[in-house]
Protein backbone atom coordinates (compact mmCIF):
# COMPACT_ATOMS: atom_id res chain seq x y z
CA MET A 1 53.53 5.60 -75.70
CA ILE A 2 53.05 4.51 -72.09
CA TRP A 3 54.16 6.33 -68.95
CA ALA A 4 54.63 4.58 -65.59
CA GLY A 5 55.14 6.07 -62.15
CA SER A 6 55.94 4.09 -59.02
CA GLN A 7 55.22 4.51 -55.34
CA ASP A 8 58.91 4.93 -54.60
CA GLY A 9 59.40 7.86 -56.96
CA LEU A 10 60.55 6.27 -60.22
CA VAL A 11 59.23 7.31 -63.64
CA HIS A 12 59.60 5.27 -66.83
CA VAL A 13 58.38 5.67 -70.41
CA THR A 14 58.07 3.32 -73.38
CA VAL A 15 57.57 4.34 -76.99
CA ASP A 16 57.26 0.82 -78.41
CA GLY A 17 54.27 -0.57 -76.54
CA GLY A 18 56.23 -1.81 -73.52
CA GLN A 19 59.02 -3.78 -75.19
CA HIS A 20 61.63 -1.35 -73.87
CA TRP A 21 61.37 1.05 -70.94
CA GLN A 22 63.56 4.07 -70.24
CA LYS A 23 64.01 5.57 -66.80
CA VAL A 24 63.14 9.29 -66.88
CA THR A 25 62.69 10.13 -63.18
CA PRO A 26 62.71 13.94 -62.72
CA PRO A 27 65.82 15.05 -60.80
CA GLN A 28 63.68 17.66 -59.00
CA LEU A 29 61.87 14.92 -57.06
CA THR A 30 62.99 14.19 -53.51
CA GLN A 31 63.74 10.57 -52.62
CA TRP A 32 60.72 8.32 -51.96
CA ALA A 33 58.26 10.71 -53.55
CA GLU A 34 55.12 8.82 -54.61
CA ILE A 35 54.07 9.45 -58.23
CA SER A 36 50.36 10.25 -57.94
CA SER A 37 49.53 10.99 -61.61
CA ILE A 38 51.02 11.28 -65.08
CA GLU A 39 48.92 13.06 -67.72
CA PRO A 40 50.10 12.62 -71.34
CA SER A 41 49.35 15.71 -73.41
CA HIS A 42 46.41 15.56 -75.83
CA PHE A 43 48.35 17.72 -78.27
CA SER A 44 52.05 16.75 -78.20
CA ALA A 45 53.46 13.21 -78.08
CA GLY A 46 56.54 14.14 -76.06
CA THR A 47 54.71 16.24 -73.49
CA ALA A 48 53.42 14.95 -70.16
CA TYR A 49 52.47 16.41 -66.79
CA LEU A 50 53.36 14.74 -63.51
CA THR A 51 52.36 15.13 -59.86
CA ALA A 52 54.01 13.55 -56.83
CA GLN A 53 53.61 13.70 -53.06
CA ARG A 54 55.59 13.07 -49.86
CA TYR A 55 53.01 13.83 -47.17
CA MET A 56 53.73 10.44 -45.58
CA TRP A 57 57.20 11.83 -44.81
CA ASP A 58 55.66 14.98 -43.31
CA ASP A 59 56.63 16.85 -46.46
CA HIS A 60 53.58 18.69 -47.80
CA ARG A 61 55.25 20.63 -50.59
CA PRO A 62 53.56 20.51 -54.03
CA PHE A 63 55.34 18.55 -56.75
CA ALA A 64 54.05 19.31 -60.25
CA LEU A 65 56.31 18.98 -63.31
CA GLU A 66 56.21 19.03 -67.10
CA THR A 67 58.31 17.44 -69.82
CA THR A 68 58.17 18.28 -73.52
CA ASP A 69 60.86 15.84 -74.71
CA PHE A 70 59.75 12.40 -73.52
CA GLY A 71 61.16 12.89 -70.02
CA ARG A 72 64.72 13.92 -70.87
CA HIS A 73 64.13 17.28 -69.20
CA TRP A 74 61.55 18.35 -66.62
CA SER A 75 60.29 21.79 -65.53
CA VAL A 76 58.69 22.60 -62.20
CA LEU A 77 55.11 23.99 -62.39
CA THR A 78 54.24 25.24 -58.93
CA GLN A 79 53.91 29.02 -59.31
CA GLY A 80 50.77 30.07 -57.43
CA LEU A 81 50.38 26.86 -55.40
CA PRO A 82 50.58 27.00 -51.60
CA ASP A 83 53.82 25.70 -50.12
CA ASP A 84 51.99 23.32 -47.79
CA GLY A 85 49.55 21.72 -50.25
CA SER A 86 50.28 18.24 -51.53
CA VAL A 87 49.05 17.58 -55.08
CA PHE A 88 47.28 14.44 -56.24
CA VAL A 89 46.43 14.87 -59.90
CA VAL A 90 46.88 17.08 -62.98
CA ARG A 91 44.67 17.01 -66.08
CA GLN A 92 44.86 18.79 -69.42
CA ASP A 93 41.70 20.02 -71.13
CA PRO A 94 41.32 18.08 -74.41
CA GLY A 95 39.92 21.25 -75.98
CA ASP A 96 42.73 23.64 -74.98
CA ALA A 97 46.41 22.80 -74.62
CA SER A 98 47.00 25.71 -72.22
CA LEU A 99 44.20 24.85 -69.80
CA LEU A 100 45.27 22.59 -66.93
CA PHE A 101 43.53 21.53 -63.73
CA LEU A 102 45.20 20.40 -60.51
CA GLY A 103 43.73 18.56 -57.53
CA THR A 104 45.40 19.20 -54.18
CA ALA A 105 45.00 18.20 -50.56
CA LYS A 106 42.74 21.20 -50.03
CA SER A 107 41.12 22.31 -53.29
CA VAL A 108 41.30 22.60 -57.10
CA TYR A 109 43.51 24.95 -59.13
CA ALA A 110 43.47 25.95 -62.79
CA SER A 111 46.21 27.22 -65.10
CA PHE A 112 45.45 29.18 -68.26
CA ASP A 113 49.04 29.20 -69.49
CA GLY A 114 50.10 25.57 -69.54
CA GLY A 115 50.99 25.38 -65.85
CA ALA A 116 53.22 28.43 -65.64
CA HIS A 117 50.81 30.01 -63.14
CA TRP A 118 48.04 28.44 -61.04
CA ARG A 119 44.85 30.09 -59.82
CA PRO A 120 42.36 28.82 -57.23
CA LEU A 121 39.24 27.21 -58.71
CA GLY A 122 37.62 26.08 -55.48
CA LEU A 123 34.49 28.24 -55.79
CA ASN A 124 31.87 26.51 -53.55
CA LEU A 125 33.88 23.29 -53.23
CA PRO A 126 34.36 22.26 -49.56
CA HIS A 127 37.80 22.33 -48.00
CA VAL A 128 38.64 18.75 -49.00
CA GLN A 129 41.22 16.57 -50.70
CA VAL A 130 40.67 16.24 -54.46
CA ARG A 131 42.11 12.84 -55.26
CA ASP A 132 41.28 12.73 -58.97
CA LEU A 133 39.89 14.86 -61.80
CA ALA A 134 38.20 13.89 -65.05
CA ILE A 135 37.06 15.99 -68.00
CA ASN A 136 33.90 15.22 -69.93
CA ALA A 137 34.72 16.93 -73.22
CA ARG A 138 31.30 16.37 -74.82
CA GLU A 139 29.38 17.89 -71.91
CA GLY A 140 32.06 20.48 -71.05
CA GLU A 141 32.39 19.37 -67.44
CA LEU A 142 35.20 18.99 -64.92
CA VAL A 143 34.51 16.20 -62.42
CA ALA A 144 36.30 16.12 -59.06
CA ALA A 145 36.52 12.98 -56.93
CA THR A 146 37.05 14.08 -53.33
CA HIS A 147 38.10 12.19 -50.23
CA GLY A 148 34.90 11.80 -48.24
CA ARG A 149 32.84 14.63 -49.83
CA SER A 150 31.38 12.90 -52.91
CA PHE A 151 31.78 13.88 -56.54
CA TRP A 152 31.60 17.51 -57.61
CA ILE A 153 31.05 18.77 -61.16
CA LEU A 154 32.00 22.14 -62.64
CA ASP A 155 29.96 23.02 -65.74
CA ASP A 156 30.57 25.40 -68.63
CA LEU A 157 34.20 24.61 -69.39
CA ALA A 158 33.69 26.51 -72.65
CA LEU A 159 34.01 29.75 -70.68
CA LEU A 160 37.36 28.73 -69.16
CA GLU A 161 38.63 27.65 -72.57
CA GLN A 162 37.79 31.04 -74.03
CA LEU A 163 39.42 32.83 -71.08
CA SER A 164 42.50 30.66 -71.64
CA HIS A 165 42.59 31.54 -75.34
CA ASP A 166 41.62 35.24 -75.18
CA GLY A 167 42.85 36.20 -71.72
CA GLN A 168 40.99 37.80 -68.85
CA PRO A 169 38.65 40.67 -69.83
CA ALA A 170 39.93 44.18 -69.19
CA ALA A 171 38.09 46.16 -66.54
CA HIS A 172 36.73 48.64 -69.11
CA SER A 173 35.85 46.11 -71.81
CA VAL A 174 32.59 44.65 -73.07
CA ASP A 175 32.92 40.95 -73.84
CA LEU A 176 30.54 38.19 -74.88
CA TYR A 177 31.51 34.52 -74.63
CA ALA A 178 30.18 31.69 -76.77
CA PRO A 179 27.74 29.58 -74.73
CA GLN A 180 28.40 25.89 -74.34
CA ALA A 181 26.15 23.58 -76.37
CA ALA A 182 22.77 23.09 -74.69
CA TRP A 183 20.71 19.90 -74.74
CA LEU A 184 17.04 19.24 -75.44
CA THR A 185 15.73 16.07 -73.84
CA ARG A 186 12.45 14.47 -72.87
CA ALA A 187 13.29 14.41 -69.17
CA TYR A 188 15.90 16.54 -67.46
CA GLY A 189 17.14 16.79 -63.90
CA GLN A 190 15.95 15.00 -60.82
CA SER A 191 12.52 13.48 -60.26
CA ASP A 192 9.85 15.21 -58.19
CA ASP A 193 10.50 12.98 -55.17
CA ALA A 194 14.29 13.53 -55.26
CA LYS A 195 14.11 16.11 -52.48
CA TYR A 196 12.91 13.39 -50.14
CA ARG A 197 15.88 11.12 -50.89
CA GLU A 198 19.29 11.91 -49.46
CA PRO A 199 22.02 12.16 -50.46
CA ILE A 200 21.43 13.15 -54.06
CA GLY A 201 23.23 15.27 -56.61
CA LEU A 202 21.86 18.04 -58.80
CA ASN A 203 22.08 18.42 -62.54
CA PRO A 204 23.02 21.84 -63.93
CA PRO A 205 20.04 24.10 -64.65
CA PHE A 206 18.30 23.39 -67.94
CA GLY A 207 19.17 25.73 -70.81
CA ALA A 208 22.10 27.67 -72.26
CA THR A 209 24.23 29.91 -70.06
CA VAL A 210 25.47 33.11 -71.70
CA PHE A 211 28.46 34.73 -69.99
CA PHE A 212 29.31 38.37 -70.69
CA HIS A 213 31.46 41.13 -69.20
CA ILE A 214 30.26 44.67 -68.48
CA PRO A 215 32.68 47.57 -67.80
CA ALA A 216 33.63 48.08 -64.17
CA LYS A 217 32.25 51.62 -64.20
CA TYR A 218 28.84 50.66 -65.59
CA ASP A 219 26.21 52.85 -63.88
CA GLY A 220 23.04 51.59 -65.53
CA LYS A 221 22.60 54.55 -67.88
CA THR A 222 23.86 52.78 -71.02
CA PRO A 223 21.11 50.55 -72.48
CA VAL A 224 22.07 46.87 -72.46
CA SER A 225 20.18 43.92 -73.92
CA LEU A 226 20.77 40.29 -74.79
CA GLU A 227 19.02 38.75 -77.78
CA ILE A 228 18.86 35.16 -79.02
CA LEU A 229 18.55 34.71 -82.79
CA ASP A 230 17.77 31.54 -84.73
CA ALA A 231 19.65 30.32 -87.79
CA HIS A 232 17.58 32.63 -90.02
CA GLY A 233 18.46 35.69 -87.94
CA ASP A 234 14.97 35.96 -86.46
CA ALA A 235 14.66 36.96 -82.81
CA VAL A 236 13.65 34.12 -80.51
CA ARG A 237 14.06 35.85 -77.16
CA THR A 238 15.07 39.35 -76.06
CA TYR A 239 16.12 40.36 -72.55
CA ALA A 240 16.32 44.02 -71.57
CA LEU A 241 19.05 44.09 -68.93
CA HIS A 242 19.23 46.55 -66.04
CA LEU A 243 21.54 47.39 -63.18
CA LYS A 244 20.99 45.10 -60.21
CA ARG A 245 18.93 46.76 -57.51
CA LYS A 246 18.95 46.04 -53.80
CA GLU A 247 16.19 43.56 -53.04
CA PRO A 248 13.88 44.37 -50.12
CA LYS A 249 14.14 41.92 -47.28
CA LEU A 250 11.01 39.74 -47.22
CA SER A 251 10.13 37.18 -44.62
CA LEU A 252 9.96 33.55 -45.72
CA VAL A 253 6.22 33.59 -45.06
CA VAL A 254 5.69 36.43 -47.51
CA LYS A 255 7.91 34.79 -50.15
CA ASP A 256 6.18 31.42 -49.82
CA ASN A 257 2.75 32.98 -50.31
CA LEU A 258 3.50 34.84 -53.51
CA LEU A 259 1.21 34.01 -56.40
CA PRO A 260 2.89 32.20 -59.33
CA ALA A 261 2.72 35.39 -61.38
CA GLN A 262 4.52 37.28 -58.61
CA GLN A 263 7.12 34.54 -58.30
CA LYS A 264 7.70 34.70 -62.06
CA ARG A 265 8.13 38.48 -61.98
CA ASN A 266 10.66 38.14 -59.17
CA ALA A 267 12.52 35.45 -61.13
CA ASP A 268 12.53 37.63 -64.26
CA GLU A 269 13.87 40.54 -62.21
CA ARG A 270 16.78 38.45 -60.98
CA LEU A 271 17.36 36.99 -64.44
CA THR A 272 17.82 40.35 -66.14
CA ALA A 273 19.70 42.12 -63.34
CA ILE A 274 23.39 42.72 -64.09
CA SER A 275 26.38 44.13 -62.26
CA PRO A 276 29.67 45.66 -63.39
CA GLY A 277 32.11 42.90 -64.30
CA MET A 278 31.31 39.30 -65.27
CA ASN A 279 27.65 38.30 -65.60
CA SER A 280 25.67 35.29 -66.75
CA LEU A 281 22.15 34.77 -68.04
CA ARG A 282 20.57 31.36 -68.51
CA TRP A 283 18.22 31.11 -71.48
CA ASP A 284 15.69 28.34 -70.88
CA LEU A 285 15.62 27.45 -74.61
CA ARG A 286 12.05 28.73 -74.86
CA TYR A 287 10.21 31.34 -76.86
CA PRO A 288 8.79 34.26 -74.79
CA ASP A 289 6.01 33.44 -72.37
CA ALA A 290 2.47 34.39 -73.31
CA THR A 291 0.72 37.28 -71.61
CA GLU A 292 -0.51 36.38 -68.13
CA VAL A 293 -4.15 36.86 -67.17
CA ILE A 294 -4.58 39.49 -64.45
CA GLY A 295 -5.24 37.80 -61.11
CA PHE A 296 -5.35 34.30 -62.61
CA GLU A 297 -3.58 31.45 -60.84
CA PRO A 298 -3.07 28.45 -63.15
CA PRO A 299 -4.05 25.00 -61.82
CA GLU A 300 -1.35 22.91 -60.19
CA ASP A 301 0.99 21.12 -62.58
CA THR A 302 0.11 17.50 -63.33
CA ASP A 303 3.21 15.34 -63.77
CA ASP A 304 5.11 17.02 -66.64
CA GLU A 305 2.17 19.11 -67.90
CA THR A 306 1.52 22.68 -66.92
CA ALA A 307 -1.22 25.24 -67.52
CA ASP A 308 0.98 28.31 -67.26
CA ALA A 309 1.91 30.57 -70.16
CA ARG A 310 5.42 29.26 -70.86
CA GLY A 311 6.72 29.60 -74.40
CA PRO A 312 7.48 26.44 -76.41
CA LEU A 313 10.95 24.95 -76.47
CA VAL A 314 12.98 25.73 -79.59
CA ASN A 315 14.09 23.14 -82.11
CA PRO A 316 17.71 21.93 -82.20
CA GLY A 317 20.00 24.00 -84.39
CA ARG A 318 22.47 26.88 -84.43
CA TYR A 319 21.64 30.02 -82.48
CA THR A 320 23.36 33.36 -81.97
CA ALA A 321 23.62 35.37 -78.76
CA VAL A 322 23.77 39.12 -79.43
CA LEU A 323 24.86 41.46 -76.63
CA ARG A 324 23.98 45.10 -77.34
CA TYR A 325 25.79 47.69 -75.23
CA GLY A 326 24.86 51.22 -76.24
CA ASP A 327 25.29 51.45 -80.02
CA LYS A 328 27.65 48.45 -80.23
CA SER A 329 26.77 44.78 -80.58
CA TYR A 330 28.72 41.57 -79.93
CA ARG A 331 27.84 38.13 -81.34
CA GLN A 332 28.61 34.51 -80.47
CA THR A 333 27.06 31.39 -82.00
CA PHE A 334 26.32 28.13 -80.21
CA GLY A 335 24.41 24.90 -80.72
CA VAL A 336 21.26 23.47 -79.22
CA GLU A 337 21.45 19.69 -79.56
CA LEU A 338 18.76 17.01 -79.34
CA ASP A 339 19.26 14.13 -76.93
CA PRO A 340 20.84 11.41 -79.14
CA ARG A 341 18.53 8.83 -77.55
CA LEU A 342 15.54 10.56 -79.19
CA HIS A 343 14.88 9.59 -82.79
CA THR A 344 12.91 11.98 -84.99
CA THR A 345 13.17 13.93 -88.25
CA PRO A 346 13.48 17.64 -89.11
CA ALA A 347 9.99 17.55 -90.62
CA ALA A 348 8.52 16.04 -87.47
CA LEU A 349 10.29 18.61 -85.31
CA GLN A 350 8.92 21.42 -87.45
CA GLN A 351 5.35 20.09 -87.22
CA HIS A 352 5.79 19.64 -83.47
CA LEU A 353 6.99 23.22 -82.95
CA GLY A 354 4.55 24.73 -85.44
CA LEU A 355 1.48 23.42 -83.62
CA GLN A 356 2.86 24.59 -80.26
CA LEU A 357 3.54 28.07 -81.61
CA ALA A 358 0.01 28.26 -83.04
CA LEU A 359 -1.48 27.30 -79.69
CA HIS A 360 0.85 29.68 -77.88
CA GLN A 361 -0.25 32.56 -80.11
CA THR A 362 -3.88 31.64 -79.45
CA VAL A 363 -3.27 31.70 -75.68
CA ASP A 364 -1.46 35.03 -75.90
CA THR A 365 -4.18 36.66 -78.01
CA LEU A 366 -6.94 35.32 -75.76
CA ASP A 367 -5.12 36.48 -72.61
CA ARG A 368 -4.74 39.98 -74.02
CA ARG A 369 -8.46 40.11 -74.78
CA ILE A 370 -9.24 38.87 -71.27
CA ASN A 371 -6.97 41.46 -69.68
CA GLY A 372 -8.55 44.21 -71.76
CA ALA A 373 -11.99 43.17 -70.53
CA ILE A 374 -10.80 42.99 -66.89
CA ARG A 375 -9.24 46.46 -67.06
CA LEU A 376 -12.37 47.88 -68.68
CA ARG A 377 -14.55 46.38 -65.98
CA ARG A 378 -12.37 48.03 -63.35
CA ARG A 379 -12.78 51.37 -65.09
CA LEU A 380 -16.55 50.95 -65.13
CA ALA A 381 -16.63 49.98 -61.46
CA GLN A 382 -14.45 52.96 -60.55
CA ALA A 383 -16.73 55.28 -62.56
CA VAL A 384 -19.75 53.91 -60.68
CA ALA A 385 -17.98 54.36 -57.32
CA ALA A 386 -17.12 57.95 -58.28
CA HIS A 387 -20.77 58.57 -59.30
CA GLU A 388 -19.67 59.21 -62.87
CA LEU A 389 -21.92 56.38 -64.05
CA ASP A 390 -25.35 55.32 -62.90
CA ALA A 391 -25.05 51.92 -61.17
CA ALA A 392 -28.22 50.53 -62.75
CA ALA A 393 -27.15 51.66 -66.22
CA ALA A 394 -23.71 50.14 -65.76
CA ARG A 395 -24.92 46.79 -64.41
CA PRO A 396 -25.58 45.11 -67.82
CA ALA A 397 -22.12 46.10 -69.07
CA LEU A 398 -20.46 44.88 -65.86
CA ASP A 399 -22.34 41.58 -65.96
CA GLY A 400 -21.58 41.16 -69.65
CA LEU A 401 -17.85 41.59 -69.07
CA ASP A 402 -17.88 39.17 -66.13
CA ALA A 403 -19.74 36.57 -68.16
CA ALA A 404 -17.41 36.90 -71.15
CA VAL A 405 -14.29 36.57 -68.99
CA ASP A 406 -15.61 33.73 -66.84
CA ALA A 407 -16.62 31.78 -69.93
CA VAL A 408 -12.95 31.36 -70.94
CA VAL A 409 -10.91 31.51 -67.71
CA GLN A 410 -11.47 30.14 -64.20
CA ARG A 411 -10.74 32.91 -61.71
CA LYS A 412 -12.04 31.24 -58.56
CA VAL A 413 -8.98 29.06 -58.02
CA ARG A 414 -6.89 30.45 -55.17
CA SER A 415 -5.28 27.35 -53.66
CA SER A 416 -3.45 24.20 -54.73
CA GLU A 417 -6.70 22.22 -54.53
CA GLY A 418 -8.96 24.92 -55.93
CA ASP A 419 -9.25 23.26 -59.32
CA VAL A 420 -10.90 20.24 -57.66
CA MET A 421 -13.92 22.35 -56.72
CA ASN A 422 -13.93 24.65 -59.75
CA GLU A 423 -13.97 23.34 -63.30
CA MET A 424 -11.25 24.39 -65.72
CA ARG A 425 -12.09 26.71 -68.58
CA LEU A 426 -10.86 27.18 -72.12
CA ARG A 427 -7.70 29.14 -71.24
CA SER A 428 -6.33 26.25 -69.16
CA PHE A 429 -7.29 23.60 -71.73
CA LEU A 430 -5.33 25.46 -74.40
CA ALA A 431 -2.24 25.71 -72.18
CA TYR A 432 -2.46 22.06 -71.13
CA LEU A 433 -2.70 20.96 -74.77
CA GLN A 434 0.39 22.98 -75.70
CA SER A 435 2.23 21.44 -72.74
CA ASP A 436 1.09 17.93 -73.71
CA ILE A 437 2.39 18.33 -77.27
CA GLY A 438 5.69 19.62 -75.88
CA LEU A 439 6.34 16.39 -73.96
CA ASP A 440 7.59 14.66 -77.12
CA TYR A 441 9.71 15.59 -80.13
CA GLY A 442 7.76 13.67 -82.74
CA PRO A 443 4.95 14.91 -84.98
CA PRO A 444 1.63 15.71 -83.25
CA ASP A 445 -0.81 12.82 -83.37
CA PRO A 446 -4.27 13.20 -84.99
CA ALA A 447 -6.01 13.56 -81.63
CA GLN A 448 -3.78 16.49 -80.69
CA VAL A 449 -4.37 18.19 -84.05
CA ALA A 450 -8.13 17.69 -83.74
CA ALA A 451 -8.14 19.06 -80.19
CA CYS A 452 -6.09 22.06 -81.31
CA ASN A 453 -8.53 22.87 -84.10
CA ARG A 454 -11.53 22.56 -81.78
CA LEU A 455 -10.03 24.67 -78.99
CA GLU A 456 -8.80 27.35 -81.38
CA GLY A 457 -12.36 27.62 -82.73
CA GLU A 458 -13.66 28.03 -79.19
CA ALA A 459 -10.98 30.63 -78.54
CA ARG A 460 -12.09 32.68 -81.55
CA ARG A 461 -15.68 32.57 -80.34
CA GLY A 462 -14.53 33.56 -76.85
CA GLU A 463 -12.56 36.48 -78.27
CA THR A 464 -15.61 37.62 -80.23
CA ARG A 465 -17.71 37.58 -77.07
CA LEU A 466 -15.04 39.46 -75.14
CA GLN A 467 -14.76 42.01 -77.92
CA ALA A 468 -18.54 42.55 -77.97
CA ALA A 469 -18.74 42.94 -74.18
CA SER A 470 -15.80 45.37 -74.22
CA ALA A 471 -17.37 47.39 -77.03
CA ALA A 472 -20.58 47.75 -75.00
CA GLY A 473 -18.60 48.95 -71.99
CA GLU A 474 -16.60 51.42 -74.06
CA ARG A 475 -19.80 52.84 -75.56
CA LEU A 476 -21.22 53.34 -72.08
CA LEU A 477 -18.11 55.22 -70.95
CA LEU A 478 -18.12 57.39 -74.06
CA ARG A 479 -21.85 58.10 -73.83
CA ASP A 480 -21.71 59.22 -70.21
CA GLY A 481 -18.33 60.90 -70.50
CA ALA A 482 -16.76 58.82 -67.73
CA ARG A 483 -13.00 58.66 -67.57
């Protein structure tokens, strides 16, 4: 079947590959209306959607119509559209027969009921003509071609499809929506120098976005959490959610000088803050971060490698989002897919993740030991300052704790170039090795395995030294009764 629309308002259709054409011009069209788009339905052979315009005749009314019988009859679909907004294009979502999108002279509209009613979908789109729309079904994206304002892309069409199928959430309801499939890839987003090149577009944030609805009267007293489970039902990540609090106003200078650990805490605070109504949380496809070392600032990232405590990326597979609201839980499954350009095997992926998780556990255990020693040293110093401990008697324990901590972590770095003047220590080497293994999706090479074994041995020796120094400090506190 082929549909044809002309600049002078005629519409024809052929059902035999063009051998015979039948005139099916909608009678609702005014003379000399230009046919701007015809969208055949993805679900019904006799159904098509049509848009037309007459702005060149100073007629800016919207013309949007539907036929379900090969053009013999047409219905007008303009409920909810402004009277002075010419329309350029209509598209049907290939994943949902009821979900339509319309590009107008001013914005974009969506219909969740097959065009019977239209709702604005402009969001942050500029006030601009939308000349064409395209739907990327695999990526779940709506692409808008504007007149003079570049291309714009709306992500997460899976949410709109579910709203079209299930309806808008009630004000008092708790709802969880299935996340759109997320992608694992070797390189994602723009390059580091992209900010210096204009103009340039932005990819959507990396990860899986989970949308959920909280009752309108939510006051923060009911416990709420979001958990990600793997295919075996084991917890991968858990977020304790809380009612959004008013953020204190900070100057840009203060914000720009926050330590990475402070920046991370601020980001986590925003990530887990929710409000009554619709919310979203973006899971970065990682296991939980390791414990951070108190007062430690990791060296600057080198290319794609980092020395922070980020958790490893998960393997591709099926995952489940679980929203817990009070004593009730809601579940939705979704997929995490591997970039099809990457070629590997399940066994290689498992080896790759297994070594990262082992290193990550080593970093977390070491960091906890380090933090315990740092806190103990502070207690000893406070006891000396309060004259609860003799300074001379405490000096060996203080020096022993300092030496044990400094042997495994570099605490002198306080600037972006600090690691040039101060050598890295074990804690950073472990994190860099985990990051290096995570750059690929194949099995770890022999050099990486050998380095992992050597560094894990050093970590165990470092933990033993930290434990011995801490035990000596604890004995001193107990002996002298310091608190």
